[in-house]
Protein backbone atom coordinates (compact mmCIF):
# COMPACT_ATOMS: atom_id res chain seq x y z
CA UNK A 1 83.34 141.76 54.66
CA UNK A 2 80.16 141.20 52.60
CA UNK A 3 77.34 138.90 53.69
CA UNK A 4 78.10 136.63 50.69
CA UNK A 5 81.76 136.16 51.61
CA UNK A 6 80.80 135.32 55.25
CA UNK A 7 78.35 132.70 54.00
CA UNK A 8 81.01 131.24 51.67
CA UNK A 9 83.50 131.06 54.54
CA UNK A 10 81.05 129.25 56.85
CA UNK A 11 80.18 126.81 54.06
CA UNK A 12 83.86 126.12 53.42
CA UNK A 13 84.45 125.45 57.14
CA UNK A 14 81.39 123.20 57.35
CA UNK A 15 82.56 121.21 54.32
CA UNK A 16 86.11 120.95 55.72
CA UNK A 17 84.80 119.58 59.05
CA UNK A 18 82.51 117.08 57.30
CA UNK A 19 85.35 115.86 55.07
CA UNK A 20 87.90 115.74 57.91
CA UNK A 21 89.49 112.30 58.11
CA UNK A 22 91.00 111.20 61.39
CA UNK A 23 94.62 110.40 60.69
CA UNK A 24 96.06 107.40 62.48
CA UNK A 25 99.15 109.30 63.55
CA UNK A 26 97.03 111.81 65.48
CA UNK A 27 96.52 109.05 68.06
CA UNK A 28 100.25 108.50 68.40
CA UNK A 29 101.73 111.95 67.87
CA UNK A 30 100.54 115.25 69.28
CA UNK A 31 101.57 118.86 68.82
CA UNK A 32 101.92 121.53 71.52
CA UNK A 33 99.53 124.35 70.69
CA UNK A 34 100.44 126.61 73.62
CA UNK A 35 102.63 126.54 76.72
CA UNK A 36 102.89 128.56 79.91
CA UNK A 37 103.51 128.31 83.66
CA UNK A 38 104.46 124.63 83.51
CA UNK A 39 101.33 123.56 81.61
CA UNK A 40 101.35 122.43 77.96
CA UNK A 41 98.20 122.18 75.84
CA UNK A 42 98.52 119.40 73.28
CA UNK A 43 96.44 118.67 70.18
CA UNK A 44 96.17 114.99 69.26
CA UNK A 45 97.08 111.90 71.32
CA UNK A 46 93.45 110.80 71.50
CA UNK A 47 94.35 107.50 73.16
CA UNK A 48 96.14 109.18 76.11
CA UNK A 49 94.90 108.20 79.60
CA UNK A 50 94.76 110.10 82.88
CA UNK A 51 98.18 110.44 84.54
CA UNK A 52 99.90 108.92 81.50
CA UNK A 53 103.46 110.07 80.81
CA UNK A 54 104.07 112.10 77.65
CA UNK A 55 107.45 112.64 75.99
CA UNK A 56 107.97 116.13 74.55
CA UNK A 57 110.72 116.22 71.93
CA UNK A 58 112.83 119.37 72.36
CA UNK A 59 116.20 120.31 70.81
CA UNK A 60 117.83 119.65 74.22
CA UNK A 61 116.25 116.20 74.56
CA UNK A 62 113.09 114.62 75.95
CA UNK A 63 111.05 116.54 78.56
CA UNK A 64 108.44 114.49 80.38
CA UNK A 65 104.93 115.61 81.29
CA UNK A 66 101.82 113.85 82.54
CA UNK A 67 98.25 114.20 81.30
CA UNK A 68 95.89 115.79 83.82
CA UNK A 69 93.11 117.33 81.69
CA UNK A 70 91.59 115.09 79.00
CA UNK A 71 89.33 117.29 76.88
CA UNK A 72 87.55 116.47 73.64
CA UNK A 73 90.05 118.13 71.32
CA UNK A 74 93.15 118.69 73.45
CA UNK A 75 95.10 117.53 76.51
CA UNK A 76 96.25 119.66 79.42
CA UNK A 77 99.63 118.23 80.51
CA UNK A 78 101.78 119.26 83.47
CA UNK A 79 105.52 119.39 82.85
CA UNK A 80 107.87 117.39 85.08
CA UNK A 81 111.06 119.09 83.92
CA UNK A 82 112.37 122.53 82.95
CA UNK A 83 109.88 124.26 80.66
CA UNK A 84 112.42 126.70 79.17
CA UNK A 85 113.16 124.40 76.23
CA UNK A 86 109.51 123.49 75.57
CA UNK A 87 107.89 125.54 72.78
CA UNK A 88 104.64 125.51 70.83
CA UNK A 89 104.79 123.36 67.73
CA UNK A 90 106.99 120.65 69.26
CA UNK A 91 106.07 117.00 68.86
CA UNK A 92 104.68 114.96 71.74
CA UNK A 93 104.49 111.15 71.94
CA UNK A 94 102.97 108.75 74.43
CA UNK A 95 105.52 106.98 76.61
CA UNK A 96 103.10 104.09 77.10
CA UNK A 97 103.27 104.11 80.91
CA UNK A 98 101.61 105.93 83.78
CA UNK A 99 103.76 107.72 86.34
CA UNK A 100 106.04 105.41 88.34
CA UNK A 101 108.75 105.99 90.93
CA UNK A 102 111.55 103.73 92.24
CA UNK A 103 110.60 101.82 95.41
CA UNK A 104 112.33 99.35 97.71
CA UNK A 105 114.94 99.06 100.47
CA UNK A 106 117.52 100.85 98.30
CA UNK A 107 115.80 104.14 99.23
CA UNK A 108 116.30 103.72 102.99
CA UNK A 109 118.54 106.37 104.49
CA UNK A 110 118.22 108.62 101.44
CA UNK A 111 116.75 112.04 100.63
CA UNK A 112 115.08 111.92 97.22
CA UNK A 113 112.89 114.03 94.94
CA UNK A 114 109.32 112.88 94.18
CA UNK A 115 110.68 111.25 91.00
CA UNK A 116 113.25 109.25 92.97
CA UNK A 117 116.34 111.33 92.11
CA UNK A 118 118.86 111.67 94.98
CA UNK A 119 119.05 115.09 96.68
CA UNK A 120 121.62 114.15 99.36
CA UNK A 121 124.69 114.14 97.13
CA UNK A 122 124.85 110.34 97.28
CA UNK A 123 125.06 107.87 94.38
CA UNK A 124 122.16 107.27 91.99
CA UNK A 125 119.46 104.96 93.35
CA UNK A 126 119.38 101.62 91.56
CA UNK A 127 116.04 100.34 92.77
CA UNK A 128 115.01 96.94 91.44
CA UNK A 129 111.30 97.83 91.46
CA UNK A 130 109.02 100.73 90.64
CA UNK A 131 105.64 101.62 92.11
CA UNK A 132 102.66 103.44 90.64
CA UNK A 133 102.37 107.03 91.83
CA UNK A 134 98.58 106.78 91.63
CA UNK A 135 96.91 103.47 92.38
CA UNK A 136 93.59 102.32 93.71
CA UNK A 137 93.30 101.88 97.45
CA UNK A 138 92.93 98.36 98.88
CA UNK A 139 89.24 97.38 99.15
CA UNK A 140 87.37 96.60 102.38
CA UNK A 141 87.86 92.82 102.05
CA UNK A 142 91.62 93.29 101.79
CA UNK A 143 91.78 95.13 105.12
CA UNK A 144 91.79 94.12 108.74
CA UNK A 145 90.73 95.96 111.90
CA UNK A 146 93.48 98.05 113.47
CA UNK A 147 94.74 96.14 116.52
CA UNK A 148 98.53 96.69 116.80
CA UNK A 149 99.73 99.82 118.62
CA UNK A 150 102.01 102.36 116.98
CA UNK A 151 103.63 103.96 120.01
CA UNK A 152 104.60 107.61 119.53
CA UNK A 153 106.54 107.90 122.80
CA UNK A 154 104.49 111.03 123.60
CA UNK A 155 102.60 110.33 126.83
CA UNK A 156 99.65 112.62 126.03
CA UNK A 157 99.04 110.83 122.71
CA UNK A 158 99.72 107.22 123.75
CA UNK A 159 97.53 107.61 126.84
CA UNK A 160 94.62 109.70 125.52
CA UNK A 161 94.61 109.44 121.70
CA UNK A 162 96.42 106.20 120.87
CA UNK A 163 97.38 105.38 117.28
CA UNK A 164 97.27 101.90 115.76
CA UNK A 165 99.16 100.51 112.78
CA UNK A 166 97.10 101.20 109.68
CA UNK A 167 95.34 104.22 111.20
CA UNK A 168 95.23 107.75 109.76
CA UNK A 169 95.59 110.35 112.51
CA UNK A 170 95.60 114.03 111.58
CA UNK A 171 97.96 116.49 113.30
CA UNK A 172 96.37 119.93 113.06
CA UNK A 173 97.10 123.39 114.44
CA UNK A 174 98.41 126.87 113.67
CA UNK A 175 101.93 127.40 112.35
CA UNK A 176 104.76 127.06 114.86
CA UNK A 177 102.79 125.05 117.44
CA UNK A 178 104.87 121.86 117.28
CA UNK A 179 103.10 119.77 114.61
CA UNK A 180 106.29 118.57 112.89
CA UNK A 181 107.91 117.99 116.31
CA UNK A 182 105.21 115.42 117.17
CA UNK A 183 105.79 113.61 113.88
CA UNK A 184 109.60 113.58 114.30
CA UNK A 185 109.35 112.26 117.87
CA UNK A 186 107.12 109.46 116.58
CA UNK A 187 109.76 108.59 113.96
CA UNK A 188 112.50 108.58 116.62
CA UNK A 189 110.41 106.36 118.87
CA UNK A 190 110.12 103.69 116.15
CA UNK A 191 113.90 103.29 116.29
CA UNK A 192 114.15 103.52 120.10
CA UNK A 193 111.43 100.88 120.60
CA UNK A 194 113.00 98.78 117.80
CA UNK A 195 109.59 98.25 116.19
CA UNK A 196 110.96 97.70 112.67
CA UNK A 197 108.60 100.36 111.31
CA UNK A 198 109.97 102.19 108.24
CA UNK A 199 109.49 105.98 108.33
CA UNK A 200 108.60 107.85 105.11
CA UNK A 201 108.66 111.62 105.64
CA UNK A 202 107.46 113.80 102.76
CA UNK A 203 108.29 117.51 102.91
CA UNK A 204 105.92 119.46 100.66
CA UNK A 205 107.36 122.87 99.82
CA UNK A 206 109.68 122.97 102.87
CA UNK A 207 112.96 124.87 102.99
CA UNK A 208 115.93 122.62 102.23
CA UNK A 209 117.73 124.13 105.25
CA UNK A 210 114.95 122.77 107.48
CA UNK A 211 115.19 119.34 105.82
CA UNK A 212 118.99 119.34 106.27
CA UNK A 213 118.55 119.98 110.02
CA UNK A 214 116.00 117.19 110.20
CA UNK A 215 118.33 114.72 108.47
CA UNK A 216 121.16 115.66 110.82
CA UNK A 217 118.94 115.11 113.86
CA UNK A 218 117.66 111.76 112.58
CA UNK A 219 121.27 110.64 112.05
CA UNK A 220 122.13 111.68 115.64
CA UNK A 221 119.18 109.66 116.95
CA UNK A 222 120.06 106.63 114.80
CA UNK A 223 116.79 106.78 112.86
CA UNK A 224 117.95 107.71 109.36
CA UNK A 225 118.80 104.12 108.38
CA UNK A 226 115.10 103.19 108.53
CA UNK A 227 113.82 106.44 107.02
CA UNK A 228 113.09 107.72 103.50
CA UNK A 229 112.76 111.49 103.04
CA UNK A 230 110.96 112.78 99.94
CA UNK A 231 111.71 116.49 99.68
CA UNK A 232 110.40 119.42 97.67
CA UNK A 233 111.23 123.09 98.19
CA UNK A 234 109.08 126.21 97.64
CA UNK A 235 111.05 126.91 94.44
CA UNK A 236 110.08 123.57 92.88
CA UNK A 237 107.32 123.58 90.24
CA UNK A 238 103.77 122.95 91.48
CA UNK A 239 103.76 119.61 89.64
CA UNK A 240 106.48 118.20 91.95
CA UNK A 241 104.71 119.50 95.08
CA UNK A 242 101.52 117.84 93.82
CA UNK A 243 103.25 114.52 93.10
CA UNK A 244 105.36 114.38 96.30
CA UNK A 245 102.81 112.76 98.70
CA UNK A 246 101.61 110.27 96.07
CA UNK A 247 105.18 109.25 95.18
CA UNK A 248 106.11 108.92 98.87
CA UNK A 249 103.01 106.77 99.48
CA UNK A 250 104.09 104.45 96.67
CA UNK A 251 107.44 104.06 98.46
CA UNK A 252 105.65 103.29 101.75
CA UNK A 253 103.27 100.83 100.05
CA UNK A 254 106.23 98.69 98.97
CA UNK A 255 106.92 97.85 102.63
CA UNK A 256 103.22 97.43 103.46
CA UNK A 257 102.76 95.00 100.56
CA UNK A 258 105.81 93.00 101.67
CA UNK A 259 104.36 92.21 105.12
CA UNK A 260 106.25 95.06 106.80
CA UNK A 261 105.06 98.20 108.56
CA UNK A 262 105.56 101.79 107.41
CA UNK A 263 104.72 105.20 108.86
CA UNK A 264 103.82 108.01 106.43
CA UNK A 265 104.20 111.64 107.50
CA UNK A 266 102.79 114.28 105.13
CA UNK A 267 104.24 117.69 106.04
CA UNK A 268 101.97 119.32 105.12
CA UNK A 269 98.81 118.80 103.08
CA UNK A 270 97.84 122.48 103.24
CA UNK A 271 100.76 123.29 100.91
CA UNK A 272 99.76 120.29 98.78
CA UNK A 273 96.25 121.70 98.31
CA UNK A 274 97.71 125.10 97.38
CA UNK A 275 99.99 123.49 94.76
CA UNK A 276 97.03 121.57 93.33
CA UNK A 277 94.94 124.75 93.21
CA UNK A 278 97.73 126.48 91.28
CA UNK A 279 97.85 123.64 88.73
CA UNK A 280 94.05 123.46 88.48
CA UNK A 281 93.65 127.17 87.82
CA UNK A 282 96.31 126.97 85.08
CA UNK A 283 94.36 124.04 83.62
CA UNK A 284 91.21 126.22 83.61
CA UNK A 285 89.37 124.18 86.23
CA UNK A 286 86.68 126.24 87.96
CA UNK A 287 87.35 127.16 91.61
CA UNK A 288 84.57 126.80 94.15
CA UNK A 289 84.43 127.15 97.93
CA UNK A 290 87.24 129.35 99.24
CA UNK A 291 88.77 129.38 95.72
CA UNK A 292 89.68 125.67 95.73
CA UNK A 293 88.60 123.33 92.90
CA UNK A 294 85.68 121.04 93.69
CA UNK A 295 87.79 117.87 93.63
CA UNK A 296 90.20 118.93 96.38
CA UNK A 297 88.42 116.50 98.74
CA UNK A 298 89.08 113.68 96.27
CA UNK A 299 92.70 114.88 96.05
CA UNK A 300 93.34 113.95 99.69
CA UNK A 301 90.86 111.09 100.12
CA UNK A 302 92.44 108.99 97.37
CA UNK A 303 95.83 109.65 98.97
CA UNK A 304 94.92 108.80 102.58
CA UNK A 305 92.72 105.81 101.71
CA UNK A 306 95.91 104.01 100.63
CA UNK A 307 96.93 103.77 104.30
CA UNK A 308 95.58 100.53 105.74
CA UNK A 309 96.16 97.45 107.85
CA UNK A 310 96.16 94.59 105.33
CA UNK A 311 94.39 91.29 105.88
CA UNK A 312 96.37 88.14 106.65
CA UNK A 313 95.75 86.91 103.09
CA UNK A 314 97.62 89.97 101.78
CA UNK A 315 100.51 89.57 104.23
CA UNK A 316 99.28 91.59 107.22
CA UNK A 317 101.47 94.63 106.52
CA UNK A 318 100.39 98.16 107.44
CA UNK A 319 100.77 101.75 106.30
CA UNK A 320 100.00 104.34 109.00
CA UNK A 321 99.43 107.97 108.00
CA UNK A 322 100.10 111.13 110.03
CA UNK A 323 98.99 113.97 107.74
CA UNK A 324 99.71 117.50 108.96
CA UNK A 325 97.35 120.43 108.30
CA UNK A 326 97.99 124.07 109.16
CA UNK A 327 95.06 126.15 110.43
CA UNK A 328 94.66 129.92 110.29
CA UNK A 329 94.02 131.48 113.73
CA UNK A 330 92.88 128.09 115.09
CA UNK A 331 90.00 127.83 112.60
CA UNK A 332 89.39 124.08 112.65
CA UNK A 333 86.18 124.54 110.62
CA UNK A 334 87.84 125.96 107.47
CA UNK A 335 87.59 124.14 104.13
CA UNK A 336 90.77 122.04 103.99
CA UNK A 337 90.81 121.12 107.75
CA UNK A 338 87.19 119.88 107.65
CA UNK A 339 87.96 117.90 104.49
CA UNK A 340 90.89 116.06 106.02
CA UNK A 341 89.17 115.60 109.41
CA UNK A 342 86.34 113.78 107.63
CA UNK A 343 88.82 111.52 105.79
CA UNK A 344 90.99 110.56 108.78
CA UNK A 345 90.36 108.37 111.85
CA UNK A 346 90.86 111.14 114.38
CA UNK A 347 92.86 114.30 114.95
CA UNK A 348 95.39 115.72 117.39
CA UNK A 349 94.63 119.42 117.70
CA UNK A 350 97.43 121.69 118.91
CA UNK A 351 96.27 124.90 120.61
CA UNK A 352 98.28 128.10 120.23
CA UNK A 353 97.25 129.35 123.71
CA UNK A 354 98.53 126.18 125.40
CA UNK A 355 101.78 126.39 123.43
CA UNK A 356 102.47 129.94 124.61
CA UNK A 357 101.60 128.97 128.19
CA UNK A 358 104.51 126.52 128.03
CA UNK A 359 102.29 123.41 127.88
CA UNK A 360 104.13 121.45 125.21
CA UNK A 361 103.09 119.38 123.36
CA UNK A 362 100.11 121.78 123.25
CA UNK A 363 97.49 119.06 122.72
CA UNK A 364 93.85 120.04 123.23
CA UNK A 365 92.16 117.36 125.32
CA UNK A 366 88.71 118.55 124.24
CA UNK A 367 89.12 118.82 120.45
CA UNK A 368 91.46 115.86 119.90
CA UNK A 369 90.17 112.34 119.35
CA UNK A 370 91.28 108.91 118.13
CA UNK A 371 88.43 106.93 116.58
CA UNK A 372 90.40 103.68 116.20
CA UNK A 373 93.51 103.56 118.36
CA UNK A 374 91.75 102.55 121.60
CA UNK A 375 91.40 99.07 120.12
CA UNK A 376 95.16 99.00 119.54
CA UNK A 377 96.29 100.57 122.82
CA UNK A 378 98.77 98.54 124.84
CA UNK A 379 97.23 96.91 127.92
CA UNK A 380 99.74 98.59 130.22
CA UNK A 381 98.94 102.15 129.15
CA UNK A 382 95.21 101.45 128.78
CA UNK A 383 94.97 100.24 132.38
CA UNK A 384 96.22 103.57 133.78
CA UNK A 385 94.73 106.09 131.34
CA UNK A 386 91.00 105.32 131.22
CA UNK A 387 89.88 108.55 132.96
CA UNK A 388 92.80 110.73 131.91
CA UNK A 389 91.17 112.55 128.98
CA UNK A 390 87.95 113.30 130.86
CA UNK A 391 89.84 114.49 133.95
CA UNK A 392 92.07 116.79 131.91
CA UNK A 393 89.12 118.25 129.95
CA UNK A 394 87.21 118.91 133.19
CA UNK A 395 90.28 120.51 134.77
CA UNK A 396 90.83 122.93 131.86
CA UNK A 397 87.17 123.92 132.03
CA UNK A 398 87.23 124.36 135.83
CA UNK A 399 90.56 126.20 135.79
CA UNK A 400 89.06 128.99 133.67
CA UNK A 401 86.27 129.45 136.26
CA UNK A 402 88.48 129.00 139.31
CA UNK A 403 90.56 132.06 138.49
CA UNK A 404 87.51 134.29 139.12
CA UNK A 405 86.86 133.13 142.66
CA UNK A 406 88.50 131.39 145.61
CA UNK A 407 85.42 129.82 147.26
CA UNK A 408 85.84 126.29 145.95
CA UNK A 409 84.63 123.10 147.62
CA UNK A 410 87.08 120.34 148.51
CA UNK A 411 86.22 118.04 145.57
CA UNK A 412 86.71 120.89 143.05
CA UNK A 413 90.02 121.87 144.66
CA UNK A 414 91.19 118.26 144.49
CA UNK A 415 90.18 118.03 140.82
CA UNK A 416 92.09 121.22 140.01
CA UNK A 417 95.18 120.08 141.95
CA UNK A 418 95.14 116.71 140.16
CA UNK A 419 94.68 118.49 136.81
CA UNK A 420 97.66 120.77 137.46
CA UNK A 421 99.86 117.77 138.26
CA UNK A 422 98.66 115.87 135.17
CA UNK A 423 99.27 118.92 132.99
CA UNK A 424 102.85 119.15 134.29
CA UNK A 425 103.36 115.41 133.90
CA UNK A 426 102.24 115.47 130.24
CA UNK A 427 104.76 118.17 129.35
CA UNK A 428 107.53 116.55 127.37
CA UNK A 429 110.67 117.95 125.72
CA UNK A 430 111.28 117.32 122.04
CA UNK A 431 113.41 114.32 120.97
CA UNK A 432 112.67 112.56 124.29
CA UNK A 433 110.04 109.91 123.55
CA UNK A 434 109.07 107.89 126.65
CA UNK A 435 109.19 104.08 126.85
CA UNK A 436 106.03 102.17 127.85
CA UNK A 437 107.23 101.48 131.40
CA UNK A 438 108.10 105.17 131.88
CA UNK A 439 104.60 106.23 130.78
CA UNK A 440 102.84 103.67 133.00
CA UNK A 441 104.93 104.40 136.12
CA UNK A 442 104.45 108.17 135.75
CA UNK A 443 100.68 107.89 135.33
CA UNK A 444 100.32 105.50 138.28
CA UNK A 445 102.24 107.93 140.50
CA UNK A 446 99.86 110.82 139.75
CA UNK A 447 96.57 108.89 139.37
CA UNK A 448 96.99 106.80 142.54
CA UNK A 449 97.56 109.87 144.76
CA UNK A 450 101.26 109.07 145.37
CA UNK A 451 102.36 112.53 144.20
CA UNK A 452 99.60 114.49 145.99
CA UNK A 453 102.14 116.09 148.35
CA UNK A 454 104.42 117.17 145.50
CA UNK A 455 103.90 120.78 144.28
CA UNK A 456 102.91 121.02 140.60
CA UNK A 457 106.12 122.93 139.83
CA UNK A 458 108.19 119.95 141.09
CA UNK A 459 106.28 117.17 139.30
CA UNK A 460 108.79 116.81 136.44
CA UNK A 461 111.69 116.55 138.90
CA UNK A 462 109.79 113.99 140.98
CA UNK A 463 108.97 112.03 137.81
CA UNK A 464 112.65 111.94 136.78
CA UNK A 465 113.66 110.79 140.27
CA UNK A 466 110.99 108.06 140.25
CA UNK A 467 112.08 106.68 136.86
CA UNK A 468 115.74 106.68 137.91
CA UNK A 469 114.89 104.84 141.14
CA UNK A 470 112.69 102.23 139.41
CA UNK A 471 115.31 101.48 136.76
CA UNK A 472 118.06 101.19 139.37
CA UNK A 473 116.10 99.05 141.87
CA UNK A 474 113.65 97.09 139.68
CA UNK A 475 115.15 96.88 136.20
CA UNK A 476 113.85 93.35 135.61
CA UNK A 477 110.26 94.28 136.48
CA UNK A 478 110.38 97.46 134.37
CA UNK A 479 111.72 95.51 131.38
CA UNK A 480 108.76 93.14 131.76
CA UNK A 481 106.33 96.08 132.01
CA UNK A 482 107.86 97.56 128.84
CA UNK A 483 106.50 94.60 126.85
CA UNK A 484 103.07 96.24 127.12
CA UNK A 485 101.14 93.73 129.21
CA UNK A 486 98.67 94.92 131.87
CA UNK A 487 100.50 95.42 135.19
CA UNK A 488 99.43 93.12 138.02
CA UNK A 489 98.76 94.16 141.63
CA UNK A 490 102.34 93.44 142.69
CA UNK A 491 103.72 95.68 139.92
CA UNK A 492 101.35 98.52 140.83
CA UNK A 493 102.28 98.20 144.55
CA UNK A 494 105.98 98.28 143.61
CA UNK A 495 105.55 101.52 141.63
CA UNK A 496 103.33 103.10 144.31
CA UNK A 497 105.89 102.31 147.02
CA UNK A 498 108.72 103.86 144.98
CA UNK A 499 106.57 106.92 144.09
CA UNK A 500 105.57 107.51 147.74
CA UNK A 501 109.22 107.28 148.78
CA UNK A 502 110.29 109.77 146.09
CA UNK A 503 107.41 112.16 146.91
CA UNK A 504 108.71 112.61 150.48
CA UNK A 505 111.81 114.30 149.09
CA UNK A 506 109.72 116.85 147.17
CA UNK A 507 106.87 117.41 149.68
CA UNK A 508 106.08 120.94 150.83
C-alpha cells in the first residue's frame, strides 16, 4: 500500500470519527460483538449501570446477563443462562433493574438456585417480595453492639470462642477437618434450643449428592423447616457460583430487616474466590498476588459487612455469618485466608494434626479467637470457662515437652492431667449439640477437681453418667440452669456432689 493511500485512509477515519453522531438508540439497544466462556462483550448501552440486568434477544427467547465491566466503548456482561443460543450480532436491551432474587418465608424448607428457582422438585416459589443481590451494608449508626449469644451447642466454641448474634466468625482449616460439620451442628442447635433463628446455608460449587445428604439429615433433626439452602454444583457456570453468597445474603437480610434473626453459612468462600477469578480473567481484569484480581478483598468484605446486629430503631434483627475457608497444608497466612480473617470478628481454626489424633472437633486453642462473642456469652457458661482457653493452650504446649522426659514437678503433672481430661471432655460427636446446662455441669465437674480420680480415657463415660444423674434427680434445677443465668452456690454444690458421686464409680 502506498504512502498516499495510507494517508487518505487515516484522513477518512479521522473525518468519520469527527462527524460521528451519537444515535439515541445506542443508549437503549446494544449489539454483541463477541461471546465466549459465558462472557458477552456488548457495544452500546451507554446508560447501563454496574450489576444491571441485560436482556439478550435470541431465537430461543430472552437470555439474561448482568453488566460487570463498564468500559468506555463496550460492556463486559456475564451470562445467567445457557450461552449456546447466544451469538455475536444479537440485540441486547436494558431490563431496567439490577439483579434481584425472591425473598421471604416462602423459601423456608426449600433448596433453591441463586436465582430462586427450586432444585428440590417442589412447586415454583411464589415469593411476595424480592431482595437486591448487591446492596450497601448498614452503616455504623444503624448497628448495635453484639450482646445476644448464638449458641452453637459445641462446648469448645461456646466456652472458649463464643459467637454473638450479628457476629462474623470464620471457620478455617484444611479440607476434611470438620468445617462443615461445625456449621451443621450450629444449625441443628438453633432448632434444638428453639431460638427462632432462621438458617441460610449456601453451598458454593458443592456436589449435589452432598447437599442431598445434608437435606436428609436436617429433615431427620427437624431443622429443615427453618432452613433455606442455596445450592450450586461444580458444573454450574462461574456466574452462578459468584452470585450464590450474595443472593443467599439477600434472603437472610429479609429476616434481619423484619426484626428476626438469621444465621448465614457460606460453604465455602475459597470456591467463591476461584469462581470470581475465573470470571475476572475472562473479563480481562489483571491478576495480582497469587493470581487473584486486586479487588478480591472487596469481593468478600462487601458480602460479610452485610451481617450485623441492627439498632432498635431498625427493629433489632440480626444476621450472623459463619464463612468457611479452606487452607492448603494449614497455611493460615495465604492470600484468601488473611483477607477473610481481617474482615471477620474472629476465627475458629481446625488443625489437621488434632483431627487425626481423634480430637474432634479439632479446634486449635492457640490460633482460634472470638473478638466479640465474650460480650454475648451466657452468664452460666462464662462463669465456668474463664480460664479454659489459657489452660488448654498451656497443656498442649507442655504436652509436647513432657513426652521427652518424665521428671516433672507436681504442679506441671497436675496441669497436664487436667489438660488431658479437658481435651477428652471437649470431644464431641457430630449431630450432638449440647444444651447450656450440659455444658456448665460438665465443665464444673472437671474444673472443680470432681473428676480428678477419673482416668482420661473414662471422662466421656463419666460425663454421660453425670448428665443422666442430674436430669433424673434435679430436672427442675437443670431446666433453670438452661436459661443461661449464672449458677449460684447451691447449684454449683449440687453439681459437685453429683459429680463426686459419679466419679467414685470410675475411679482407678
